[in-house]
Amino acid sequence: MEQKITIGNVCFIKDSVNDKVLLLKRAKEPMQNMYTGVGGKTDFGESIGESCAREAKEETGLNISDVKLRGVIKTILDGSASSWVLFVYTTDKFDGKIIDCVEGELSWVPMADIFSYELIGFIRRILPHILSEQGFVEGLILHDIRGNIIEEKLIVS
């Protein structure tokens, strides 16, 4: 089985005025109907930061700026040869209007309610560190098809 590593990003766009974060309910497998931030694959000729801004624009219609790198996580889908190196960002600087997203349904979720949503398992695990902006998360997560953690090696510094 040929191993494949994808470089990607996920960004959590925060509305600091209304204390909300923009979440995407995935329309497709894997992890269909589960919530995450916006993002995707990094194209060959672009930087990770450029990729983050492009993906946010494509999925939300918003122009983001002043992104902060909050973590780098390698994820491995159990039983496969598929792995992602995922750069995790936050920003509260954006403009534009939300568009319909082909990747799923976008929702502004109150920060206080975020953990009552069906978050992808490994996103649920790292999100408290990412949103609090207290420290940097780095490591490896082995997960199942729903994103539930099987094994983790995380460092928060």
N, C-alpha and C. Protein backbone atom coordinates (compact mmCIF):
# COMPACT_ATOMS: atom_id res chain seq x y z
N MET A 1 0.84 -1.18 0.00
CA MET A 1 0.00 0.00 0.00
C MET A 1 0.90 1.25 0.00
N GLU A 2 0.67 2.12 -0.97
CA GLU A 2 1.46 3.34 -1.07
C GLU A 2 1.02 4.35 0.00
N GLN A 3 2.00 4.89 0.71
CA GLN A 3 1.69 5.88 1.73
C GLN A 3 1.52 7.25 1.10
N LYS A 4 0.57 8.01 1.64
CA LYS A 4 0.29 9.34 1.10
C LYS A 4 0.23 10.34 2.26
N ILE A 5 1.00 11.41 2.14
CA ILE A 5 0.96 12.48 3.13
C ILE A 5 0.44 13.73 2.44
N THR A 6 -0.62 14.30 3.01
CA THR A 6 -1.21 15.53 2.49
C THR A 6 -0.89 16.66 3.45
N ILE A 7 -0.48 17.79 2.90
CA ILE A 7 -0.25 18.98 3.73
C ILE A 7 -1.51 19.82 3.62
N GLY A 8 -2.07 20.19 4.77
CA GLY A 8 -3.31 20.94 4.77
C GLY A 8 -3.40 21.90 5.92
N ASN A 9 -4.55 22.55 6.01
CA ASN A 9 -4.78 23.54 7.05
C ASN A 9 -6.23 23.53 7.48
N VAL A 10 -6.44 24.03 8.69
CA VAL A 10 -7.79 24.29 9.17
C VAL A 10 -7.73 25.61 9.93
N CYS A 11 -8.71 26.45 9.69
CA CYS A 11 -8.73 27.76 10.33
C CYS A 11 -10.05 27.94 11.09
N PHE A 12 -9.92 28.43 12.30
CA PHE A 12 -11.08 28.76 13.11
C PHE A 12 -11.21 30.28 13.12
N ILE A 13 -12.23 30.75 12.39
CA ILE A 13 -12.48 32.18 12.25
C ILE A 13 -13.38 32.61 13.41
N LYS A 14 -12.87 33.58 14.19
CA LYS A 14 -13.58 34.01 15.40
C LYS A 14 -14.19 35.39 15.21
N ASP A 15 -15.42 35.52 15.65
CA ASP A 15 -16.10 36.81 15.73
C ASP A 15 -15.99 37.25 17.18
N SER A 16 -14.95 38.00 17.49
CA SER A 16 -14.67 38.39 18.88
C SER A 16 -15.75 39.31 19.45
N VAL A 17 -16.38 40.11 18.61
CA VAL A 17 -17.42 41.04 19.07
C VAL A 17 -18.61 40.26 19.62
N ASN A 18 -19.02 39.21 18.91
CA ASN A 18 -20.20 38.42 19.31
C ASN A 18 -19.84 37.12 20.01
N ASP A 19 -18.55 36.88 20.26
CA ASP A 19 -18.05 35.68 20.95
C ASP A 19 -18.53 34.40 20.26
N LYS A 20 -18.28 34.34 18.95
CA LYS A 20 -18.69 33.18 18.15
C LYS A 20 -17.51 32.71 17.31
N VAL A 21 -17.61 31.46 16.83
CA VAL A 21 -16.61 30.90 15.91
C VAL A 21 -17.36 30.26 14.74
N LEU A 22 -16.79 30.37 13.55
CA LEU A 22 -17.41 29.82 12.36
C LEU A 22 -17.03 28.35 12.22
N LEU A 23 -18.05 27.48 12.19
CA LEU A 23 -17.83 26.05 12.03
C LEU A 23 -18.46 25.57 10.73
N LEU A 24 -17.85 24.53 10.18
CA LEU A 24 -18.34 23.89 8.97
C LEU A 24 -18.84 22.49 9.32
N LYS A 25 -20.11 22.22 9.00
CA LYS A 25 -20.67 20.87 9.14
C LYS A 25 -20.44 20.17 7.80
N ARG A 26 -19.55 19.18 7.82
CA ARG A 26 -19.11 18.53 6.58
C ARG A 26 -20.26 17.83 5.85
N ALA A 27 -20.33 18.06 4.55
CA ALA A 27 -21.37 17.46 3.72
C ALA A 27 -20.96 16.10 3.17
N LYS A 28 -19.65 15.82 3.18
CA LYS A 28 -19.13 14.61 2.54
C LYS A 28 -18.34 13.75 3.52
N GLU A 29 -18.21 12.49 3.18
CA GLU A 29 -17.30 11.61 3.92
C GLU A 29 -15.88 11.92 3.51
N PRO A 30 -14.91 11.71 4.33
CA PRO A 30 -15.05 11.17 5.67
C PRO A 30 -15.56 12.23 6.65
N MET A 31 -16.10 11.76 7.73
CA MET A 31 -16.56 12.61 8.83
C MET A 31 -17.75 13.48 8.44
N GLN A 32 -18.61 12.93 7.58
CA GLN A 32 -19.82 13.63 7.16
C GLN A 32 -20.68 14.00 8.37
N ASN A 33 -21.29 15.17 8.32
CA ASN A 33 -22.18 15.71 9.36
C ASN A 33 -21.46 16.04 10.67
N MET A 34 -20.15 16.07 10.64
CA MET A 34 -19.37 16.47 11.82
C MET A 34 -18.81 17.86 11.58
N TYR A 35 -18.53 18.56 12.68
CA TYR A 35 -18.11 19.96 12.61
C TYR A 35 -16.60 20.12 12.75
N THR A 36 -16.09 21.13 12.04
CA THR A 36 -14.69 21.49 12.07
C THR A 36 -14.57 22.95 11.65
N GLY A 37 -13.35 23.44 11.52
CA GLY A 37 -13.12 24.76 10.95
C GLY A 37 -13.11 24.64 9.43
N VAL A 38 -12.74 25.72 8.76
CA VAL A 38 -12.64 25.70 7.30
C VAL A 38 -11.20 25.47 6.90
N GLY A 39 -11.00 24.85 5.75
CA GLY A 39 -9.63 24.60 5.30
C GLY A 39 -9.58 23.49 4.29
N GLY A 40 -8.37 23.02 4.04
CA GLY A 40 -8.21 21.95 3.06
C GLY A 40 -6.77 21.74 2.69
N LYS A 41 -6.58 21.23 1.50
CA LYS A 41 -5.24 20.85 1.03
C LYS A 41 -4.45 22.07 0.55
N THR A 42 -3.15 21.99 0.77
CA THR A 42 -2.24 23.01 0.27
C THR A 42 -1.78 22.60 -1.13
N ASP A 43 -1.92 23.52 -2.07
CA ASP A 43 -1.47 23.26 -3.43
C ASP A 43 0.06 23.29 -3.48
N PHE A 44 0.63 22.62 -4.46
CA PHE A 44 2.07 22.44 -4.57
C PHE A 44 2.83 23.77 -4.53
N GLY A 45 2.39 24.77 -5.25
CA GLY A 45 3.14 26.01 -5.38
C GLY A 45 2.79 27.12 -4.39
N GLU A 46 2.02 26.81 -3.35
CA GLU A 46 1.64 27.87 -2.42
C GLU A 46 2.15 27.59 -1.01
N SER A 47 2.31 28.66 -0.24
CA SER A 47 2.72 28.50 1.15
C SER A 47 1.53 28.02 1.97
N ILE A 48 1.79 27.57 3.18
CA ILE A 48 0.71 27.09 4.05
C ILE A 48 -0.24 28.24 4.37
N GLY A 49 0.32 29.42 4.68
CA GLY A 49 -0.51 30.58 4.99
C GLY A 49 -1.38 31.01 3.81
N GLU A 50 -0.80 31.00 2.61
CA GLU A 50 -1.57 31.33 1.40
C GLU A 50 -2.70 30.32 1.21
N SER A 51 -2.40 29.07 1.46
CA SER A 51 -3.39 28.01 1.34
C SER A 51 -4.55 28.24 2.31
N CYS A 52 -4.23 28.62 3.53
CA CYS A 52 -5.25 28.89 4.55
C CYS A 52 -6.18 30.01 4.09
N ALA A 53 -5.61 31.11 3.60
CA ALA A 53 -6.42 32.24 3.14
C ALA A 53 -7.27 31.86 1.94
N ARG A 54 -6.68 31.11 1.00
CA ARG A 54 -7.42 30.68 -0.20
C ARG A 54 -8.58 29.78 0.17
N GLU A 55 -8.31 28.78 1.00
CA GLU A 55 -9.37 27.84 1.41
C GLU A 55 -10.50 28.57 2.15
N ALA A 56 -10.14 29.49 3.04
CA ALA A 56 -11.15 30.26 3.78
C ALA A 56 -12.02 31.05 2.81
N LYS A 57 -11.40 31.68 1.82
CA LYS A 57 -12.15 32.47 0.83
C LYS A 57 -13.05 31.56 0.00
N GLU A 58 -12.52 30.42 -0.47
CA GLU A 58 -13.32 29.52 -1.29
C GLU A 58 -14.52 28.95 -0.53
N GLU A 59 -14.31 28.62 0.74
CA GLU A 59 -15.37 27.94 1.50
C GLU A 59 -16.35 28.90 2.17
N THR A 60 -15.91 30.13 2.46
CA THR A 60 -16.77 31.04 3.23
C THR A 60 -17.13 32.32 2.49
N GLY A 61 -16.30 32.73 1.53
CA GLY A 61 -16.48 34.04 0.90
C GLY A 61 -15.77 35.15 1.67
N LEU A 62 -15.21 34.82 2.83
CA LEU A 62 -14.56 35.82 3.67
C LEU A 62 -13.08 35.96 3.31
N ASN A 63 -12.59 37.18 3.37
CA ASN A 63 -11.17 37.46 3.27
C ASN A 63 -10.62 37.50 4.69
N ILE A 64 -9.68 36.63 4.99
CA ILE A 64 -9.11 36.61 6.34
C ILE A 64 -7.71 37.21 6.31
N SER A 65 -7.29 37.72 7.46
CA SER A 65 -5.94 38.27 7.59
C SER A 65 -5.49 38.07 9.03
N ASP A 66 -4.23 38.37 9.28
CA ASP A 66 -3.66 38.28 10.62
C ASP A 66 -3.90 36.89 11.24
N VAL A 67 -3.67 35.83 10.43
CA VAL A 67 -3.87 34.48 10.94
C VAL A 67 -2.73 34.12 11.90
N LYS A 68 -3.08 33.36 12.92
CA LYS A 68 -2.10 32.94 13.92
C LYS A 68 -2.00 31.41 13.90
N LEU A 69 -0.78 30.91 13.73
CA LEU A 69 -0.55 29.48 13.75
C LEU A 69 -0.62 29.01 15.20
N ARG A 70 -1.57 28.11 15.49
CA ARG A 70 -1.82 27.65 16.85
C ARG A 70 -1.39 26.20 17.07
N GLY A 71 -1.11 25.48 15.96
CA GLY A 71 -0.69 24.10 16.12
C GLY A 71 -0.32 23.46 14.80
N VAL A 72 0.45 22.36 14.91
CA VAL A 72 0.78 21.51 13.77
C VAL A 72 0.56 20.08 14.24
N ILE A 73 -0.37 19.41 13.60
CA ILE A 73 -0.76 18.06 14.00
C ILE A 73 -0.63 17.12 12.80
N LYS A 74 0.04 16.01 13.00
CA LYS A 74 0.03 14.96 11.97
C LYS A 74 -1.07 14.00 12.35
N THR A 75 -2.00 13.77 11.43
CA THR A 75 -3.09 12.83 11.67
C THR A 75 -2.90 11.63 10.76
N ILE A 76 -3.23 10.46 11.29
CA ILE A 76 -3.16 9.22 10.51
C ILE A 76 -4.48 8.49 10.68
N LEU A 77 -5.10 8.15 9.56
CA LEU A 77 -6.33 7.37 9.58
C LEU A 77 -5.96 5.91 9.80
N ASP A 78 -6.45 5.33 10.89
CA ASP A 78 -6.14 3.95 11.26
C ASP A 78 -6.49 2.98 10.13
N GLY A 79 -5.58 2.07 9.86
CA GLY A 79 -5.81 1.04 8.86
C GLY A 79 -5.60 1.50 7.43
N SER A 80 -5.09 2.70 7.27
CA SER A 80 -4.86 3.22 5.92
C SER A 80 -3.42 3.69 5.80
N ALA A 81 -3.09 4.14 4.62
CA ALA A 81 -1.77 4.73 4.38
C ALA A 81 -1.92 6.23 4.18
N SER A 82 -3.00 6.79 4.72
CA SER A 82 -3.31 8.20 4.55
C SER A 82 -2.95 8.99 5.81
N SER A 83 -2.20 10.06 5.60
CA SER A 83 -1.80 10.93 6.70
C SER A 83 -1.88 12.38 6.25
N TRP A 84 -2.22 13.25 7.19
CA TRP A 84 -2.23 14.69 6.93
C TRP A 84 -1.26 15.35 7.90
N VAL A 85 -0.54 16.35 7.43
CA VAL A 85 0.15 17.28 8.30
C VAL A 85 -0.72 18.53 8.27
N LEU A 86 -1.36 18.80 9.40
CA LEU A 86 -2.40 19.81 9.48
C LEU A 86 -1.91 21.02 10.26
N PHE A 87 -1.87 22.16 9.59
CA PHE A 87 -1.51 23.42 10.22
C PHE A 87 -2.81 24.07 10.71
N VAL A 88 -2.88 24.36 12.00
CA VAL A 88 -4.11 24.84 12.62
C VAL A 88 -3.97 26.32 12.96
N TYR A 89 -4.89 27.12 12.41
CA TYR A 89 -4.84 28.57 12.55
C TYR A 89 -6.10 29.11 13.23
N THR A 90 -5.96 30.34 13.76
CA THR A 90 -7.12 31.13 14.18
C THR A 90 -6.95 32.53 13.60
N THR A 91 -8.06 33.22 13.48
CA THR A 91 -8.05 34.64 13.15
C THR A 91 -9.35 35.26 13.62
N ASP A 92 -9.28 36.53 13.95
CA ASP A 92 -10.51 37.28 14.22
C ASP A 92 -10.57 38.52 13.31
N LYS A 93 -9.75 38.47 12.26
CA LYS A 93 -9.73 39.55 11.27
C LYS A 93 -10.27 39.02 9.95
N PHE A 94 -11.43 39.50 9.58
CA PHE A 94 -12.06 39.06 8.34
C PHE A 94 -13.01 40.14 7.83
N ASP A 95 -13.29 40.09 6.52
CA ASP A 95 -14.33 40.93 5.95
C ASP A 95 -14.97 40.16 4.80
N GLY A 96 -16.12 40.67 4.38
CA GLY A 96 -16.86 40.02 3.30
C GLY A 96 -18.16 39.43 3.82
N LYS A 97 -18.84 38.74 2.94
CA LYS A 97 -20.13 38.12 3.28
C LYS A 97 -20.03 36.62 3.09
N ILE A 98 -20.66 35.89 4.01
CA ILE A 98 -20.68 34.43 3.95
C ILE A 98 -21.43 33.97 2.69
N ILE A 99 -20.85 32.98 2.01
CA ILE A 99 -21.47 32.40 0.82
C ILE A 99 -21.92 30.97 1.15
N ASP A 100 -22.68 30.37 0.25
CA ASP A 100 -23.01 28.95 0.38
C ASP A 100 -21.73 28.15 0.12
N CYS A 101 -21.50 27.16 0.95
CA CYS A 101 -20.27 26.38 0.87
C CYS A 101 -20.55 25.00 0.29
N VAL A 102 -19.80 24.63 -0.76
CA VAL A 102 -19.98 23.31 -1.36
C VAL A 102 -19.49 22.19 -0.45
N GLU A 103 -18.64 22.52 0.53
CA GLU A 103 -18.08 21.52 1.44
C GLU A 103 -19.05 21.15 2.57
N GLY A 104 -20.06 22.01 2.80
CA GLY A 104 -21.00 21.75 3.89
C GLY A 104 -21.70 23.01 4.33
N GLU A 105 -22.27 22.97 5.52
CA GLU A 105 -23.07 24.06 6.05
C GLU A 105 -22.24 24.87 7.05
N LEU A 106 -22.19 26.19 6.85
CA LEU A 106 -21.46 27.07 7.75
C LEU A 106 -22.39 27.63 8.82
N SER A 107 -21.89 27.71 10.06
CA SER A 107 -22.68 28.26 11.17
C SER A 107 -21.77 29.05 12.10
N TRP A 108 -22.26 30.24 12.51
CA TRP A 108 -21.59 30.98 13.58
C TRP A 108 -22.09 30.39 14.89
N VAL A 109 -21.20 29.80 15.66
CA VAL A 109 -21.55 29.08 16.87
C VAL A 109 -21.04 29.85 18.09
N PRO A 110 -21.90 30.08 19.10
CA PRO A 110 -21.42 30.74 20.32
C PRO A 110 -20.29 29.92 20.96
N MET A 111 -19.24 30.61 21.38
CA MET A 111 -18.10 29.93 22.01
C MET A 111 -18.56 29.03 23.16
N ALA A 112 -19.53 29.49 23.92
CA ALA A 112 -20.00 28.73 25.07
C ALA A 112 -20.67 27.42 24.68
N ASP A 113 -21.13 27.31 23.44
CA ASP A 113 -21.87 26.12 22.99
C ASP A 113 -21.06 25.19 22.11
N ILE A 114 -19.85 25.55 21.77
CA ILE A 114 -19.09 24.84 20.74
C ILE A 114 -18.92 23.35 21.03
N PHE A 115 -18.75 22.98 22.29
CA PHE A 115 -18.50 21.57 22.61
C PHE A 115 -19.78 20.74 22.71
N SER A 116 -20.94 21.38 22.49
CA SER A 116 -22.18 20.63 22.40
C SER A 116 -22.45 20.18 20.95
N TYR A 117 -21.63 20.65 20.02
CA TYR A 117 -21.73 20.24 18.61
C TYR A 117 -20.93 18.96 18.39
N GLU A 118 -21.32 18.21 17.35
CA GLU A 118 -20.62 16.96 17.04
C GLU A 118 -19.33 17.27 16.27
N LEU A 119 -18.32 17.64 17.03
CA LEU A 119 -17.03 17.97 16.45
C LEU A 119 -16.29 16.71 16.05
N ILE A 120 -15.47 16.81 15.00
CA ILE A 120 -14.56 15.72 14.66
C ILE A 120 -13.72 15.43 15.90
N GLY A 121 -13.52 14.17 16.22
CA GLY A 121 -12.89 13.78 17.48
C GLY A 121 -11.58 14.46 17.80
N PHE A 122 -10.65 14.48 16.85
CA PHE A 122 -9.35 15.08 17.17
C PHE A 122 -9.45 16.61 17.21
N ILE A 123 -10.43 17.19 16.51
CA ILE A 123 -10.66 18.64 16.61
C ILE A 123 -11.16 18.96 18.02
N ARG A 124 -12.07 18.14 18.53
CA ARG A 124 -12.57 18.34 19.90
C ARG A 124 -11.41 18.32 20.90
N ARG A 125 -10.45 17.45 20.68
CA ARG A 125 -9.32 17.30 21.60
C ARG A 125 -8.40 18.53 21.60
N ILE A 126 -8.11 19.08 20.43
CA ILE A 126 -7.14 20.19 20.37
C ILE A 126 -7.79 21.56 20.49
N LEU A 127 -9.09 21.66 20.25
CA LEU A 127 -9.77 22.95 20.17
C LEU A 127 -9.65 23.83 21.42
N PRO A 128 -9.73 23.27 22.63
CA PRO A 128 -9.57 24.16 23.80
C PRO A 128 -8.24 24.91 23.78
N HIS A 129 -7.18 24.26 23.35
CA HIS A 129 -5.86 24.90 23.28
C HIS A 129 -5.81 25.91 22.13
N ILE A 130 -6.43 25.56 21.03
CA ILE A 130 -6.40 26.41 19.84
C ILE A 130 -7.17 27.70 20.10
N LEU A 131 -8.39 27.59 20.61
CA LEU A 131 -9.24 28.77 20.79
C LEU A 131 -8.78 29.66 21.95
N SER A 132 -8.20 29.06 22.98
CA SER A 132 -7.75 29.87 24.12
C SER A 132 -6.50 30.66 23.78
N GLU A 133 -5.81 30.21 22.73
CA GLU A 133 -4.55 30.82 22.30
C GLU A 133 -3.53 30.82 23.44
N GLN A 134 -3.63 29.80 24.28
CA GLN A 134 -2.69 29.58 25.38
C GLN A 134 -1.80 28.42 24.99
N GLY A 135 -0.68 28.70 24.40
CA GLY A 135 0.24 27.65 24.01
C GLY A 135 0.06 27.22 22.56
N PHE A 136 0.94 26.33 22.16
CA PHE A 136 1.01 25.82 20.79
C PHE A 136 0.88 24.30 20.88
N VAL A 137 0.05 23.71 20.02
CA VAL A 137 -0.19 22.27 20.04
C VAL A 137 0.58 21.61 18.90
N GLU A 138 1.35 20.57 19.24
CA GLU A 138 2.12 19.85 18.24
C GLU A 138 2.02 18.36 18.55
N GLY A 139 1.98 17.54 17.51
CA GLY A 139 2.00 16.11 17.78
C GLY A 139 1.41 15.26 16.69
N LEU A 140 1.06 14.04 17.11
CA LEU A 140 0.57 12.99 16.23
C LEU A 140 -0.72 12.43 16.81
N ILE A 141 -1.71 12.26 15.93
CA ILE A 141 -2.98 11.65 16.34
C ILE A 141 -3.34 10.54 15.36
N LEU A 142 -3.52 9.34 15.88
CA LEU A 142 -4.06 8.21 15.12
C LEU A 142 -5.55 8.19 15.39
N HIS A 143 -6.36 8.16 14.32
CA HIS A 143 -7.81 8.27 14.52
C HIS A 143 -8.57 7.29 13.62
N ASP A 144 -9.85 7.08 13.98
CA ASP A 144 -10.72 6.24 13.16
C ASP A 144 -11.41 7.08 12.09
N ILE A 145 -12.28 6.48 11.32
CA ILE A 145 -12.95 7.11 10.19
C ILE A 145 -13.83 8.30 10.61
N ARG A 146 -14.23 8.36 11.89
CA ARG A 146 -15.04 9.48 12.40
C ARG A 146 -14.18 10.53 13.11
N GLY A 147 -12.87 10.32 13.08
CA GLY A 147 -11.97 11.29 13.71
C GLY A 147 -11.76 11.05 15.19
N ASN A 148 -12.32 9.95 15.72
CA ASN A 148 -12.14 9.63 17.13
C ASN A 148 -10.71 9.17 17.37
N ILE A 149 -10.12 9.66 18.42
CA ILE A 149 -8.72 9.39 18.70
C ILE A 149 -8.54 7.96 19.20
N ILE A 150 -7.60 7.25 18.60
CA ILE A 150 -7.18 5.91 19.03
C ILE A 150 -5.92 6.03 19.86
N GLU A 151 -5.01 6.88 19.38
CA GLU A 151 -3.76 7.11 20.09
C GLU A 151 -3.30 8.53 19.81
N GLU A 152 -2.71 9.17 20.81
CA GLU A 152 -2.20 10.53 20.62
C GLU A 152 -0.88 10.72 21.27
N LYS A 153 -0.08 11.57 20.67
CA LYS A 153 1.19 12.01 21.23
C LYS A 153 1.22 13.51 21.02
N LEU A 154 0.66 14.26 21.98
CA LEU A 154 0.54 15.70 21.84
C LEU A 154 1.39 16.42 22.87
N ILE A 155 1.92 17.55 22.44
CA ILE A 155 2.67 18.43 23.33
C ILE A 155 2.05 19.81 23.21
N VAL A 156 1.72 20.42 24.35
CA VAL A 156 1.24 21.79 24.36
C VAL A 156 2.32 22.61 25.04
N SER A 157 2.88 23.55 24.29
CA SER A 157 3.97 24.35 24.85
C SER A 157 3.59 25.81 24.95
